[in-house]
Amino acid sequence: MRLYPADTYRGQDAPITALTALHNRIFISGTENGSLFTYSLDDMIPSLTICAHQGAVRALAAFRDSHFIVSASADQSLTLWNVETGECARTLLGHEGAVTAVALADEGRVIVSGSADGTVRLWDTLTGEQCGVCAGHPSAVSWLLPLASPPHVLVGLADDSAPQPIYVWNYRSGQQVRQFAEPYRANSGAVLTEDGQLLTGSASGEILRWDVQRGCVAQRWPLPAESVLLALFPHGRYAVLSMNGSQLVVWDFTQGEAVASAELTLSSPVQAFVTPDSRRVMIGSADGLLSVYRLSSG
């Protein structure tokens, strides 16, 4: 595997706070000042600038088979956007705190959002109506991972001051199914692999594989001491690391070795995203810069 720096884009004037991609062709970034920027992944030419929110964009989710994304914001709202036209399809209101996480469930028919108000809310995508709420989290929601079957959603919290359980809710009934028995300290989000494995980072510098049914850690992989975990690949096995603040590394955590590396062109990486086809890595910085790296198997 090889990692090639492709482009650095300097057109944004605020820290990049959220990243996603649509159809592996269109890249979308959200910023601290509430704006959305879209680009063609082939040439990174800016397509649209959308003044989306009154507060920072905290999370993005892209629909698989359409031109729509959902943005979640510190202004307590979610908005459904057509990224080809820049048109707002609808705004979802109901959270009483910053909306900090968003995901899509039931093949995109349900929008799931998490907030600093301690709730997870469910929204009908077609009507925009709230269709459920899961309440009682002691801190802001950091990430959401819906399961297709059964209709459950895994919820991680953003509280780094103390370990918290991972929550499991039935998002159709709004009933809590269980909490993971082993506490979890959040770090760099989570992924659910195609074979149903939950992978997360930890504050202790490890990748954790969870037994979702038993709610405990099944396996631990240590990361290099000088590294910062930026993102996990969508299908597992690899992680994106910043090494010594100067190298971007694709790390095979199952083997404990780097499989690709390149110079880190940004001095303050704060966001990272691996496209669903695992062919590009996007890095966003606190000073508004955006870098794109291409991955090849050669």
C-alpha atoms as a PDB file:
ATOM      1  CA  MET A   1       0.000   0.000   0.000  1.00  0.00           C
ATOM      2  CA  ARG A   2       1.199   3.533  -0.807  1.00  0.00           C
ATOM      3  CA  LEU A   3      -0.009   6.923   0.409  1.00  0.00           C
ATOM      4  CA  TYR A   4       0.278   9.939  -1.908  1.00  0.00           C
ATOM      5  CA  PRO A   5      -0.342  13.566  -0.903  1.00  0.00           C
ATOM      6  CA  ALA A   6      -2.697  14.914  -3.585  1.00  0.00           C
ATOM      7  CA  ASP A   7      -3.896  18.434  -2.803  1.00  0.00           C
ATOM      8  CA  THR A   8      -4.123  20.974  -0.015  1.00  0.00           C
ATOM      9  CA  TYR A   9      -7.015  23.386  -0.194  1.00  0.00           C
ATOM     10  CA  ARG A  10      -6.722  26.756   1.570  1.00  0.00           C
ATOM     11  CA  GLY A  11     -10.082  28.390   0.871  1.00  0.00           C
ATOM     12  CA  GLN A  12     -11.682  27.980   4.297  1.00  0.00           C
ATOM     13  CA  ASP A  13     -11.309  30.648   6.953  1.00  0.00           C
ATOM     14  CA  ALA A  14     -12.399  28.653  10.010  1.00  0.00           C
ATOM     15  CA  PRO A  15     -11.382  25.397  11.704  1.00  0.00           C
ATOM     16  CA  ILE A  16     -12.685  22.268   9.993  1.00  0.00           C
ATOM     17  CA  THR A  17     -15.011  20.457  12.390  1.00  0.00           C
ATOM     18  CA  ALA A  18     -16.652  17.675  10.326  1.00  0.00           C
ATOM     19  CA  LEU A  19     -15.972  15.668   7.151  1.00  0.00           C
ATOM     20  CA  THR A  20     -17.837  13.230   4.924  1.00  0.00           C
ATOM     21  CA  ALA A  21     -18.020  12.007   1.304  1.00  0.00           C
ATOM     22  CA  LEU A  22     -20.902  11.233  -1.036  1.00  0.00           C
ATOM     23  CA  HIS A  23     -20.674   8.375  -3.574  1.00  0.00           C
ATOM     24  CA  ASN A  24     -16.849   8.498  -3.194  1.00  0.00           C
ATOM     25  CA  ARG A  25     -17.002  11.461  -5.613  1.00  0.00           C
ATOM     26  CA  ILE A  26     -18.073  14.525  -3.654  1.00  0.00           C
ATOM     27  CA  PHE A  27     -16.310  15.609  -0.507  1.00  0.00           C
ATOM     28  CA  ILE A  28     -18.010  17.800   2.105  1.00  0.00           C
ATOM     29  CA  SER A  29     -16.427  19.687   4.986  1.00  0.00           C
ATOM     30  CA  GLY A  30     -18.135  21.567   7.801  1.00  0.00           C
ATOM     31  CA  THR A  31     -16.532  24.411   9.726  1.00  0.00           C
ATOM     32  CA  GLU A  32     -16.562  26.176  13.055  1.00  0.00           C
ATOM     33  CA  ASN A  33     -18.406  29.149  11.554  1.00  0.00           C
ATOM     34  CA  GLY A  34     -21.339  26.992  10.389  1.00  0.00           C
ATOM     35  CA  SER A  35     -20.445  26.738   6.680  1.00  0.00           C
ATOM     36  CA  LEU A  36     -20.384  23.714   4.401  1.00  0.00           C
ATOM     37  CA  PHE A  37     -17.981  23.338   1.472  1.00  0.00           C
ATOM     38  CA  THR A  38     -18.294  20.744  -1.299  1.00  0.00           C
ATOM     39  CA  TYR A  39     -15.605  19.582  -3.745  1.00  0.00           C
ATOM     40  CA  SER A  40     -15.159  17.125  -6.562  1.00  0.00           C
ATOM     41  CA  LEU A  41     -12.944  14.320  -5.279  1.00  0.00           C
ATOM     42  CA  ASP A  42     -11.347  14.019  -8.715  1.00  0.00           C
ATOM     43  CA  ASP A  43      -9.831  17.499  -8.820  1.00  0.00           C
ATOM     44  CA  MET A  44     -10.751  19.108  -5.450  1.00  0.00           C
ATOM     45  CA  ILE A  45     -12.295  22.079  -7.254  1.00  0.00           C
ATOM     46  CA  PRO A  46     -14.739  23.789  -4.849  1.00  0.00           C
ATOM     47  CA  SER A  47     -18.322  23.305  -6.046  1.00  0.00           C
ATOM     48  CA  LEU A  48     -20.506  24.981  -3.426  1.00  0.00           C
ATOM     49  CA  THR A  49     -20.227  27.086  -0.306  1.00  0.00           C
ATOM     50  CA  ILE A  50     -23.314  26.882   1.901  1.00  0.00           C
ATOM     51  CA  CYS A  51     -23.945  29.145   4.893  1.00  0.00           C
ATOM     52  CA  ALA A  52     -25.606  26.295   6.704  1.00  0.00           C
ATOM     53  CA  HIS A  53     -25.862  27.085  10.413  1.00  0.00           C
ATOM     54  CA  GLN A  54     -25.622  29.776  13.060  1.00  0.00           C
ATOM     55  CA  GLY A  55     -23.243  27.581  15.046  1.00  0.00           C
ATOM     56  CA  ALA A  56     -20.386  25.201  14.309  1.00  0.00           C
ATOM     57  CA  VAL A  57     -21.041  22.122  12.192  1.00  0.00           C
ATOM     58  CA  ARG A  58     -20.380  19.228  14.568  1.00  0.00           C
ATOM     59  CA  ALA A  59     -21.191  16.165  12.447  1.00  0.00           C
ATOM     60  CA  LEU A  60     -22.163  15.106   8.914  1.00  0.00           C
ATOM     61  CA  ALA A  61     -23.846  12.023   7.447  1.00  0.00           C
ATOM     62  CA  ALA A  62     -24.268  11.233   3.734  1.00  0.00           C
ATOM     63  CA  PHE A  63     -27.097   9.234   2.182  1.00  0.00           C
ATOM     64  CA  ARG A  64     -25.854   6.305   0.132  1.00  0.00           C
ATOM     65  CA  ASP A  65     -28.174   6.535  -2.882  1.00  0.00           C
ATOM     66  CA  SER A  66     -29.018  10.221  -3.243  1.00  0.00           C
ATOM     67  CA  HIS A  67     -27.466  13.688  -3.335  1.00  0.00           C
ATOM     68  CA  PHE A  68     -28.433  14.517   0.237  1.00  0.00           C
ATOM     69  CA  ILE A  69     -26.470  14.907   3.448  1.00  0.00           C
ATOM     70  CA  VAL A  70     -27.457  15.813   6.998  1.00  0.00           C
ATOM     71  CA  SER A  71     -25.520  18.388   8.987  1.00  0.00           C
ATOM     72  CA  ALA A  72     -25.636  18.622  12.787  1.00  0.00           C
ATOM     73  CA  SER A  73     -24.777  21.868  14.511  1.00  0.00           C
ATOM     74  CA  ALA A  74     -24.014  23.583  17.776  1.00  0.00           C
ATOM     75  CA  ASP A  75     -27.043  25.781  17.026  1.00  0.00           C
ATOM     76  CA  GLN A  76     -29.199  22.801  18.192  1.00  0.00           C
ATOM     77  CA  SER A  77     -30.475  21.985  14.703  1.00  0.00           C
ATOM     78  CA  LEU A  78     -30.045  19.393  11.974  1.00  0.00           C
ATOM     79  CA  THR A  79     -30.457  20.263   8.311  1.00  0.00           C
ATOM     80  CA  LEU A  80     -31.030  18.084   5.259  1.00  0.00           C
ATOM     81  CA  TRP A  81     -29.158  19.426   2.206  1.00  0.00           C
ATOM     82  CA  ASN A  82     -29.031  18.677  -1.498  1.00  0.00           C
ATOM     83  CA  VAL A  83     -25.292  19.035  -2.107  1.00  0.00           C
ATOM     84  CA  GLU A  84     -25.697  19.314  -5.873  1.00  0.00           C
ATOM     85  CA  THR A  85     -27.886  22.418  -5.659  1.00  0.00           C
ATOM     86  CA  GLY A  86     -27.103  23.706  -2.158  1.00  0.00           C
ATOM     87  CA  GLU A  87     -30.818  23.733  -1.342  1.00  0.00           C
ATOM     88  CA  CYS A  88     -32.096  23.072   2.169  1.00  0.00           C
ATOM     89  CA  ALA A  89     -34.749  20.331   2.117  1.00  0.00           C
ATOM     90  CA  ARG A  90     -35.759  20.704   5.761  1.00  0.00           C
ATOM     91  CA  THR A  91     -34.524  21.659   9.208  1.00  0.00           C
ATOM     92  CA  LEU A  92     -35.029  19.393  12.214  1.00  0.00           C
ATOM     93  CA  LEU A  93     -35.578  21.069  15.582  1.00  0.00           C
ATOM     94  CA  GLY A  94     -36.079  19.532  19.005  1.00  0.00           C
ATOM     95  CA  HIS A  95     -32.706  19.135  20.711  1.00  0.00           C
ATOM     96  CA  GLU A  96     -32.034  21.410  23.691  1.00  0.00           C
ATOM     97  CA  GLY A  97     -28.262  21.422  23.278  1.00  0.00           C
ATOM     98  CA  ALA A  98     -25.647  21.312  20.562  1.00  0.00           C
ATOM     99  CA  VAL A  99     -26.202  18.426  18.132  1.00  0.00           C
ATOM    100  CA  THR A 100     -22.934  16.520  18.304  1.00  0.00           C
ATOM    101  CA  ALA A 101     -23.529  13.320  16.287  1.00  0.00           C
ATOM    102  CA  VAL A 102     -25.679  12.155  13.387  1.00  0.00           C
ATOM    103  CA  ALA A 103     -26.153   8.845  11.570  1.00  0.00           C
ATOM    104  CA  LEU A 104     -28.610   7.168   9.209  1.00  0.00           C
ATOM    105  CA  ALA A 105     -30.612   4.058  10.041  1.00  0.00           C
ATOM    106  CA  ASP A 106     -33.146   1.796   8.344  1.00  0.00           C
ATOM    107  CA  GLU A 107     -31.526   2.310   4.909  1.00  0.00           C
ATOM    108  CA  GLY A 108     -31.727   6.075   5.267  1.00  0.00           C
ATOM    109  CA  ARG A 109     -35.389   6.228   6.240  1.00  0.00           C
ATOM    110  CA  VAL A 110     -34.479   7.308   9.774  1.00  0.00           C
ATOM    111  CA  ILE A 111     -32.062  10.036  10.874  1.00  0.00           C
ATOM    112  CA  VAL A 112     -30.498   9.421  14.295  1.00  0.00           C
ATOM    113  CA  SER A 113     -29.000  12.377  16.156  1.00  0.00           C
ATOM    114  CA  GLY A 114     -27.160  12.764  19.438  1.00  0.00           C
ATOM    115  CA  SER A 115     -26.761  15.910  21.475  1.00  0.00           C
ATOM    116  CA  ALA A 116     -25.121  17.644  24.395  1.00  0.00           C
ATOM    117  CA  ASP A 117     -28.584  17.534  25.997  1.00  0.00           C
ATOM    118  CA  GLY A 118     -27.977  13.812  26.683  1.00  0.00           C
ATOM    119  CA  THR A 119     -30.600  12.543  24.242  1.00  0.00           C
ATOM    120  CA  VAL A 120     -30.621  10.539  21.045  1.00  0.00           C
ATOM    121  CA  ARG A 121     -33.511  11.516  18.788  1.00  0.00           C
ATOM    122  CA  LEU A 122     -35.033   9.739  15.807  1.00  0.00           C
ATOM    123  CA  TRP A 123     -36.448  11.567  12.788  1.00  0.00           C
ATOM    124  CA  ASP A 124     -38.500  10.396   9.822  1.00  0.00           C
ATOM    125  CA  THR A 125     -36.386  11.368   6.814  1.00  0.00           C
ATOM    126  CA  LEU A 126     -39.341  11.936   4.473  1.00  0.00           C
ATOM    127  CA  THR A 127     -41.494  14.041   6.805  1.00  0.00           C
ATOM    128  CA  GLY A 128     -38.904  15.516   9.159  1.00  0.00           C
ATOM    129  CA  GLU A 129     -41.081  14.545  12.112  1.00  0.00           C
ATOM    130  CA  GLN A 130     -39.480  13.325  15.319  1.00  0.00           C
ATOM    131  CA  CYS A 131     -40.366   9.663  15.718  1.00  0.00           C
ATOM    132  CA  GLY A 132     -38.549   8.671  18.898  1.00  0.00           C
ATOM    133  CA  VAL A 133     -36.232   9.698  21.699  1.00  0.00           C
ATOM    134  CA  CYS A 134     -33.693   7.842  23.841  1.00  0.00           C
ATOM    135  CA  ALA A 135     -32.940   9.864  26.982  1.00  0.00           C
ATOM    136  CA  GLY A 136     -30.719   9.641  30.031  1.00  0.00           C
ATOM    137  CA  HIS A 137     -27.097   9.920  28.866  1.00  0.00           C
ATOM    138  CA  PRO A 138     -25.014  11.813  31.467  1.00  0.00           C
ATOM    139  CA  SER A 139     -22.954  13.743  28.880  1.00  0.00           C
ATOM    140  CA  ALA A 140     -22.837  14.726  25.212  1.00  0.00           C
ATOM    141  CA  VAL A 141     -23.102  12.017  22.586  1.00  0.00           C
ATOM    142  CA  SER A 142     -19.831  11.564  20.680  1.00  0.00           C
ATOM    143  CA  TRP A 143     -20.834   8.960  18.061  1.00  0.00           C
ATOM    144  CA  LEU A 144     -23.761   6.839  16.877  1.00  0.00           C
ATOM    145  CA  LEU A 145     -23.618   3.506  15.035  1.00  0.00           C
ATOM    146  CA  PRO A 146     -26.994   2.019  14.001  1.00  0.00           C
ATOM    147  CA  LEU A 147     -27.282  -1.728  13.498  1.00  0.00           C
ATOM    148  CA  ALA A 148     -29.458  -2.931  10.623  1.00  0.00           C
ATOM    149  CA  SER A 149     -30.765  -5.956  12.484  1.00  0.00           C
ATOM    150  CA  PRO A 150     -31.905  -5.887  15.178  1.00  0.00           C
ATOM    151  CA  PRO A 151     -32.897  -2.191  15.031  1.00  0.00           C
ATOM    152  CA  HIS A 152     -30.368  -1.085  17.638  1.00  0.00           C
ATOM    153  CA  VAL A 153     -28.051   1.908  17.856  1.00  0.00           C
ATOM    154  CA  LEU A 154     -24.736   1.959  19.699  1.00  0.00           C
ATOM    155  CA  VAL A 155     -24.031   5.237  21.489  1.00  0.00           C
ATOM    156  CA  GLY A 156     -20.665   6.515  22.713  1.00  0.00           C
ATOM    157  CA  LEU A 157     -20.286   9.573  24.919  1.00  0.00           C
ATOM    158  CA  ALA A 158     -17.831  12.446  24.704  1.00  0.00           C
ATOM    159  CA  ASP A 159     -16.969  12.600  28.402  1.00  0.00           C
ATOM    160  CA  ASP A 160     -13.189  12.200  28.720  1.00  0.00           C
ATOM    161  CA  SER A 161     -13.179  13.120  32.414  1.00  0.00           C
ATOM    162  CA  ALA A 162     -14.361   9.663  33.446  1.00  0.00           C
ATOM    163  CA  PRO A 163     -15.025   6.328  31.721  1.00  0.00           C
ATOM    164  CA  GLN A 164     -18.615   5.853  30.574  1.00  0.00           C
ATOM    165  CA  PRO A 165     -20.546   2.821  29.346  1.00  0.00           C
ATOM    166  CA  ILE A 166     -21.460   2.361  25.713  1.00  0.00           C
ATOM    167  CA  TYR A 167     -25.242   2.410  25.455  1.00  0.00           C
ATOM    168  CA  VAL A 168     -27.382   0.145  23.277  1.00  0.00           C
ATOM    169  CA  TRP A 169     -30.904   1.295  22.378  1.00  0.00           C
ATOM    170  CA  ASN A 170     -33.702  -0.175  20.337  1.00  0.00           C
ATOM    171  CA  TYR A 171     -34.278   2.885  18.149  1.00  0.00           C
ATOM    172  CA  ARG A 172     -37.782   1.818  17.130  1.00  0.00           C
ATOM    173  CA  SER A 173     -39.143   1.299  20.642  1.00  0.00           C
ATOM    174  CA  GLY A 174     -36.944   3.880  22.374  1.00  0.00           C
ATOM    175  CA  GLN A 175     -36.052   1.273  25.012  1.00  0.00           C
ATOM    176  CA  GLN A 176     -32.537   0.805  26.346  1.00  0.00           C
ATOM    177  CA  VAL A 177     -31.383  -2.725  25.587  1.00  0.00           C
ATOM    178  CA  ARG A 178     -28.249  -2.656  27.756  1.00  0.00           C
ATOM    179  CA  GLN A 179     -25.082  -0.826  28.655  1.00  0.00           C
ATOM    180  CA  PHE A 180     -21.673  -2.277  28.004  1.00  0.00           C
ATOM    181  CA  ALA A 181     -20.315  -3.695  31.232  1.00  0.00           C
ATOM    182  CA  GLU A 182     -16.791  -2.413  30.673  1.00  0.00           C
ATOM    183  CA  PRO A 183     -16.405   1.387  30.859  1.00  0.00           C
ATOM    184  CA  TYR A 184     -15.167   3.207  27.772  1.00  0.00           C
ATOM    185  CA  ARG A 185     -13.134   6.387  27.538  1.00  0.00           C
ATOM    186  CA  ALA A 186     -13.790   8.096  24.206  1.00  0.00           C
ATOM    187  CA  ASN A 187     -11.109   8.786  21.613  1.00  0.00           C
ATOM    188  CA  SER A 188     -11.434   9.366  17.839  1.00  0.00           C
ATOM    189  CA  GLY A 189     -14.835   7.838  17.264  1.00  0.00           C
ATOM    190  CA  ALA A 190     -15.764   4.307  16.301  1.00  0.00           C
ATOM    191  CA  VAL A 191     -16.533   2.081  13.309  1.00  0.00           C
ATOM    192  CA  LEU A 192     -18.753  -0.923  12.800  1.00  0.00           C
ATOM    193  CA  THR A 193     -17.179  -3.330  10.328  1.00  0.00           C
ATOM    194  CA  GLU A 194     -19.083  -5.310   7.698  1.00  0.00           C
ATOM    195  CA  ASP A 195     -18.888  -8.446   9.842  1.00  0.00           C
ATOM    196  CA  GLY A 196     -20.389  -6.636  12.847  1.00  0.00           C
ATOM    197  CA  GLN A 197     -17.279  -5.832  14.863  1.00  0.00           C
ATOM    198  CA  LEU A 198     -17.269  -2.613  16.862  1.00  0.00           C
ATOM    199  CA  LEU A 199     -13.864  -0.915  16.875  1.00  0.00           C
ATOM    200  CA  THR A 200     -13.019   2.173  18.903  1.00  0.00           C
ATOM    201  CA  GLY A 201      -9.977   4.094  19.992  1.00  0.00           C
ATOM    202  CA  SER A 202      -9.230   4.570  23.665  1.00  0.00           C
ATOM    203  CA  ALA A 203      -7.671   7.351  25.702  1.00  0.00           C
ATOM    204  CA  SER A 204      -4.945   4.895  26.758  1.00  0.00           C
ATOM    205  CA  GLY A 205      -3.594   4.642  23.190  1.00  0.00           C
ATOM    206  CA  GLU A 206      -5.191   1.401  22.037  1.00  0.00           C
ATOM    207  CA  ILE A 207      -7.613   0.116  19.425  1.00  0.00           C
ATOM    208  CA  LEU A 208     -10.391  -1.846  21.103  1.00  0.00           C
ATOM    209  CA  ARG A 209     -12.536  -4.578  19.566  1.00  0.00           C
ATOM    210  CA  TRP A 210     -15.766  -5.027  21.459  1.00  0.00           C
ATOM    211  CA  ASP A 211     -17.954  -8.074  21.857  1.00  0.00           C
ATOM    212  CA  VAL A 212     -21.230  -6.309  21.088  1.00  0.00           C
ATOM    213  CA  GLN A 213     -23.416  -9.058  22.550  1.00  0.00           C
ATOM    214  CA  ARG A 214     -21.511  -9.351  25.840  1.00  0.00           C
ATOM    215  CA  GLY A 215     -20.639  -5.665  26.079  1.00  0.00           C
ATOM    216  CA  CYS A 216     -16.966  -6.115  26.892  1.00  0.00           C
ATOM    217  CA  VAL A 217     -13.595  -5.670  25.220  1.00  0.00           C
ATOM    218  CA  ALA A 218     -12.652  -8.794  23.255  1.00  0.00           C
ATOM    219  CA  GLN A 219      -9.259  -7.634  21.980  1.00  0.00           C
ATOM    220  CA  ARG A 220      -6.794  -4.766  22.428  1.00  0.00           C
ATOM    221  CA  TRP A 221      -4.121  -3.517  20.035  1.00  0.00           C
ATOM    222  CA  PRO A 222      -1.577  -0.948  21.295  1.00  0.00           C
ATOM    223  CA  LEU A 223      -0.646   2.044  19.153  1.00  0.00           C
ATOM    224  CA  PRO A 224       2.837   3.602  19.012  1.00  0.00           C
ATOM    225  CA  ALA A 225       3.514   5.886  21.957  1.00  0.00           C
ATOM    226  CA  GLU A 226       4.348   8.878  19.758  1.00  0.00           C
ATOM    227  CA  SER A 227       1.165   8.592  17.674  1.00  0.00           C
ATOM    228  CA  VAL A 228      -2.224  10.344  17.685  1.00  0.00           C
ATOM    229  CA  LEU A 229      -5.192   8.362  16.383  1.00  0.00           C
ATOM    230  CA  LEU A 230      -7.060  10.396  13.753  1.00  0.00           C
ATOM    231  CA  ALA A 231      -9.468   7.878  12.195  1.00  0.00           C
ATOM    232  CA  LEU A 232     -10.321   4.228  11.696  1.00  0.00           C
ATOM    233  CA  PHE A 233     -10.876   2.690   8.288  1.00  0.00           C
ATOM    234  CA  PRO A 234     -14.535   1.874   7.593  1.00  0.00           C
ATOM    235  CA  HIS A 235     -13.860  -1.845   7.163  1.00  0.00           C
ATOM    236  CA  GLY A 236     -11.481  -2.201  10.104  1.00  0.00           C
ATOM    237  CA  ARG A 237      -7.851  -3.380  10.426  1.00  0.00           C
ATOM    238  CA  TYR A 238      -6.226  -0.029   9.568  1.00  0.00           C
ATOM    239  CA  ALA A 239      -6.013   3.257  11.446  1.00  0.00           C
ATOM    240  CA  VAL A 240      -4.847   6.710  10.364  1.00  0.00           C
ATOM    241  CA  LEU A 241      -2.216   8.080  12.741  1.00  0.00           C
ATOM    242  CA  SER A 242      -0.263  11.286  13.108  1.00  0.00           C
ATOM    243  CA  MET A 243       3.292  10.362  14.077  1.00  0.00           C
ATOM    244  CA  ASN A 244       5.498  12.915  15.826  1.00  0.00           C
ATOM    245  CA  GLY A 245       3.406  15.679  14.271  1.00  0.00           C
ATOM    246  CA  SER A 246       5.215  15.253  10.946  1.00  0.00           C
ATOM    247  CA  GLN A 247       4.092  11.964   9.350  1.00  0.00           C
ATOM    248  CA  LEU A 248       0.691  10.638   8.331  1.00  0.00           C
ATOM    249  CA  VAL A 249       0.686   6.870   8.733  1.00  0.00           C
ATOM    250  CA  VAL A 250      -1.689   4.079   7.780  1.00  0.00           C
ATOM    251  CA  TRP A 251      -1.200   1.611  10.610  1.00  0.00           C
ATOM    252  CA  ASP A 252      -2.149  -2.063  10.456  1.00  0.00           C
ATOM    253  CA  PHE A 253      -3.094  -2.433  14.101  1.00  0.00           C
ATOM    254  CA  THR A 254      -3.624  -6.202  13.808  1.00  0.00           C
ATOM    255  CA  GLN A 255       0.018  -6.629  12.751  1.00  0.00           C
ATOM    256  CA  GLY A 256       1.446  -3.688  14.692  1.00  0.00           C
ATOM    257  CA  GLU A 257       3.167  -2.052  11.732  1.00  0.00           C
ATOM    258  CA  ALA A 258       2.910   0.859   9.304  1.00  0.00           C
ATOM    259  CA  VAL A 259       1.776  -0.131   5.805  1.00  0.00           C
ATOM    260  CA  ALA A 260       1.955   3.363   4.266  1.00  0.00           C
ATOM    261  CA  SER A 261       3.175   6.814   5.236  1.00  0.00           C
ATOM    262  CA  ALA A 262       3.588  10.311   3.824  1.00  0.00           C
ATOM    263  CA  GLU A 263       4.614  13.719   5.036  1.00  0.00           C
ATOM    264  CA  LEU A 264       1.900  15.409   7.077  1.00  0.00           C
ATOM    265  CA  THR A 265       1.339  18.694   5.275  1.00  0.00           C
ATOM    266  CA  LEU A 266      -0.839  20.229   8.019  1.00  0.00           C
ATOM    267  CA  SER A 267       0.522  21.430  11.336  1.00  0.00           C
ATOM    268  CA  SER A 268      -2.691  21.048  13.340  1.00  0.00           C
ATOM    269  CA  PRO A 269      -4.842  18.106  12.141  1.00  0.00           C
ATOM    270  CA  VAL A 270      -8.144  17.957  14.021  1.00  0.00           C
ATOM    271  CA  GLN A 271     -10.420  15.986  11.679  1.00  0.00           C
ATOM    272  CA  ALA A 272      -9.842  12.937   9.490  1.00  0.00           C
ATOM    273  CA  PHE A 273     -12.086  10.911   7.213  1.00  0.00           C
ATOM    274  CA  VAL A 274     -11.458   7.799   5.127  1.00  0.00           C
ATOM    275  CA  THR A 275     -13.765   7.518   2.120  1.00  0.00           C
ATOM    276  CA  PRO A 276     -16.039   4.442   2.065  1.00  0.00           C
ATOM    277  CA  ASP A 277     -13.990   2.874  -0.747  1.00  0.00           C
ATOM    278  CA  SER A 278     -10.824   3.303   1.397  1.00  0.00           C
ATOM    279  CA  ARG A 279      -9.028   5.047  -1.476  1.00  0.00           C
ATOM    280  CA  ARG A 280      -8.650   8.541   0.006  1.00  0.00           C
ATOM    281  CA  VAL A 281      -7.834  10.041   3.383  1.00  0.00           C
ATOM    282  CA  MET A 282      -9.023  13.583   4.125  1.00  0.00           C
ATOM    283  CA  ILE A 283      -7.352  15.649   6.827  1.00  0.00           C
ATOM    284  CA  GLY A 284      -8.787  18.922   8.124  1.00  0.00           C
ATOM    285  CA  SER A 285      -6.910  21.363  10.314  1.00  0.00           C
ATOM    286  CA  ALA A 286      -7.646  23.878  13.058  1.00  0.00           C
ATOM    287  CA  ASP A 287      -6.450  26.679  10.777  1.00  0.00           C
ATOM    288  CA  GLY A 288      -8.935  25.823   8.017  1.00  0.00           C
ATOM    289  CA  LEU A 289      -6.656  23.835   5.709  1.00  0.00           C
ATOM    290  CA  LEU A 290      -7.784  20.657   4.006  1.00  0.00           C
ATOM    291  CA  SER A 291      -5.434  17.976   2.636  1.00  0.00           C
ATOM    292  CA  VAL A 292      -6.288  14.972   0.501  1.00  0.00           C
ATOM    293  CA  TYR A 293      -4.181  11.810   0.322  1.00  0.00           C
ATOM    294  CA  ARG A 294      -4.669   9.012  -2.184  1.00  0.00           C
ATOM    295  CA  LEU A 295      -4.175   5.358  -1.307  1.00  0.00           C
ATOM    296  CA  SER A 296      -3.070   2.674  -3.749  1.00  0.00           C
ATOM    297  CA  SER A 297      -2.381  -1.017  -3.313  1.00  0.00           C
ATOM    298  CA  GLY A 298       0.855  -0.848  -5.316  1.00  0.00           C
END
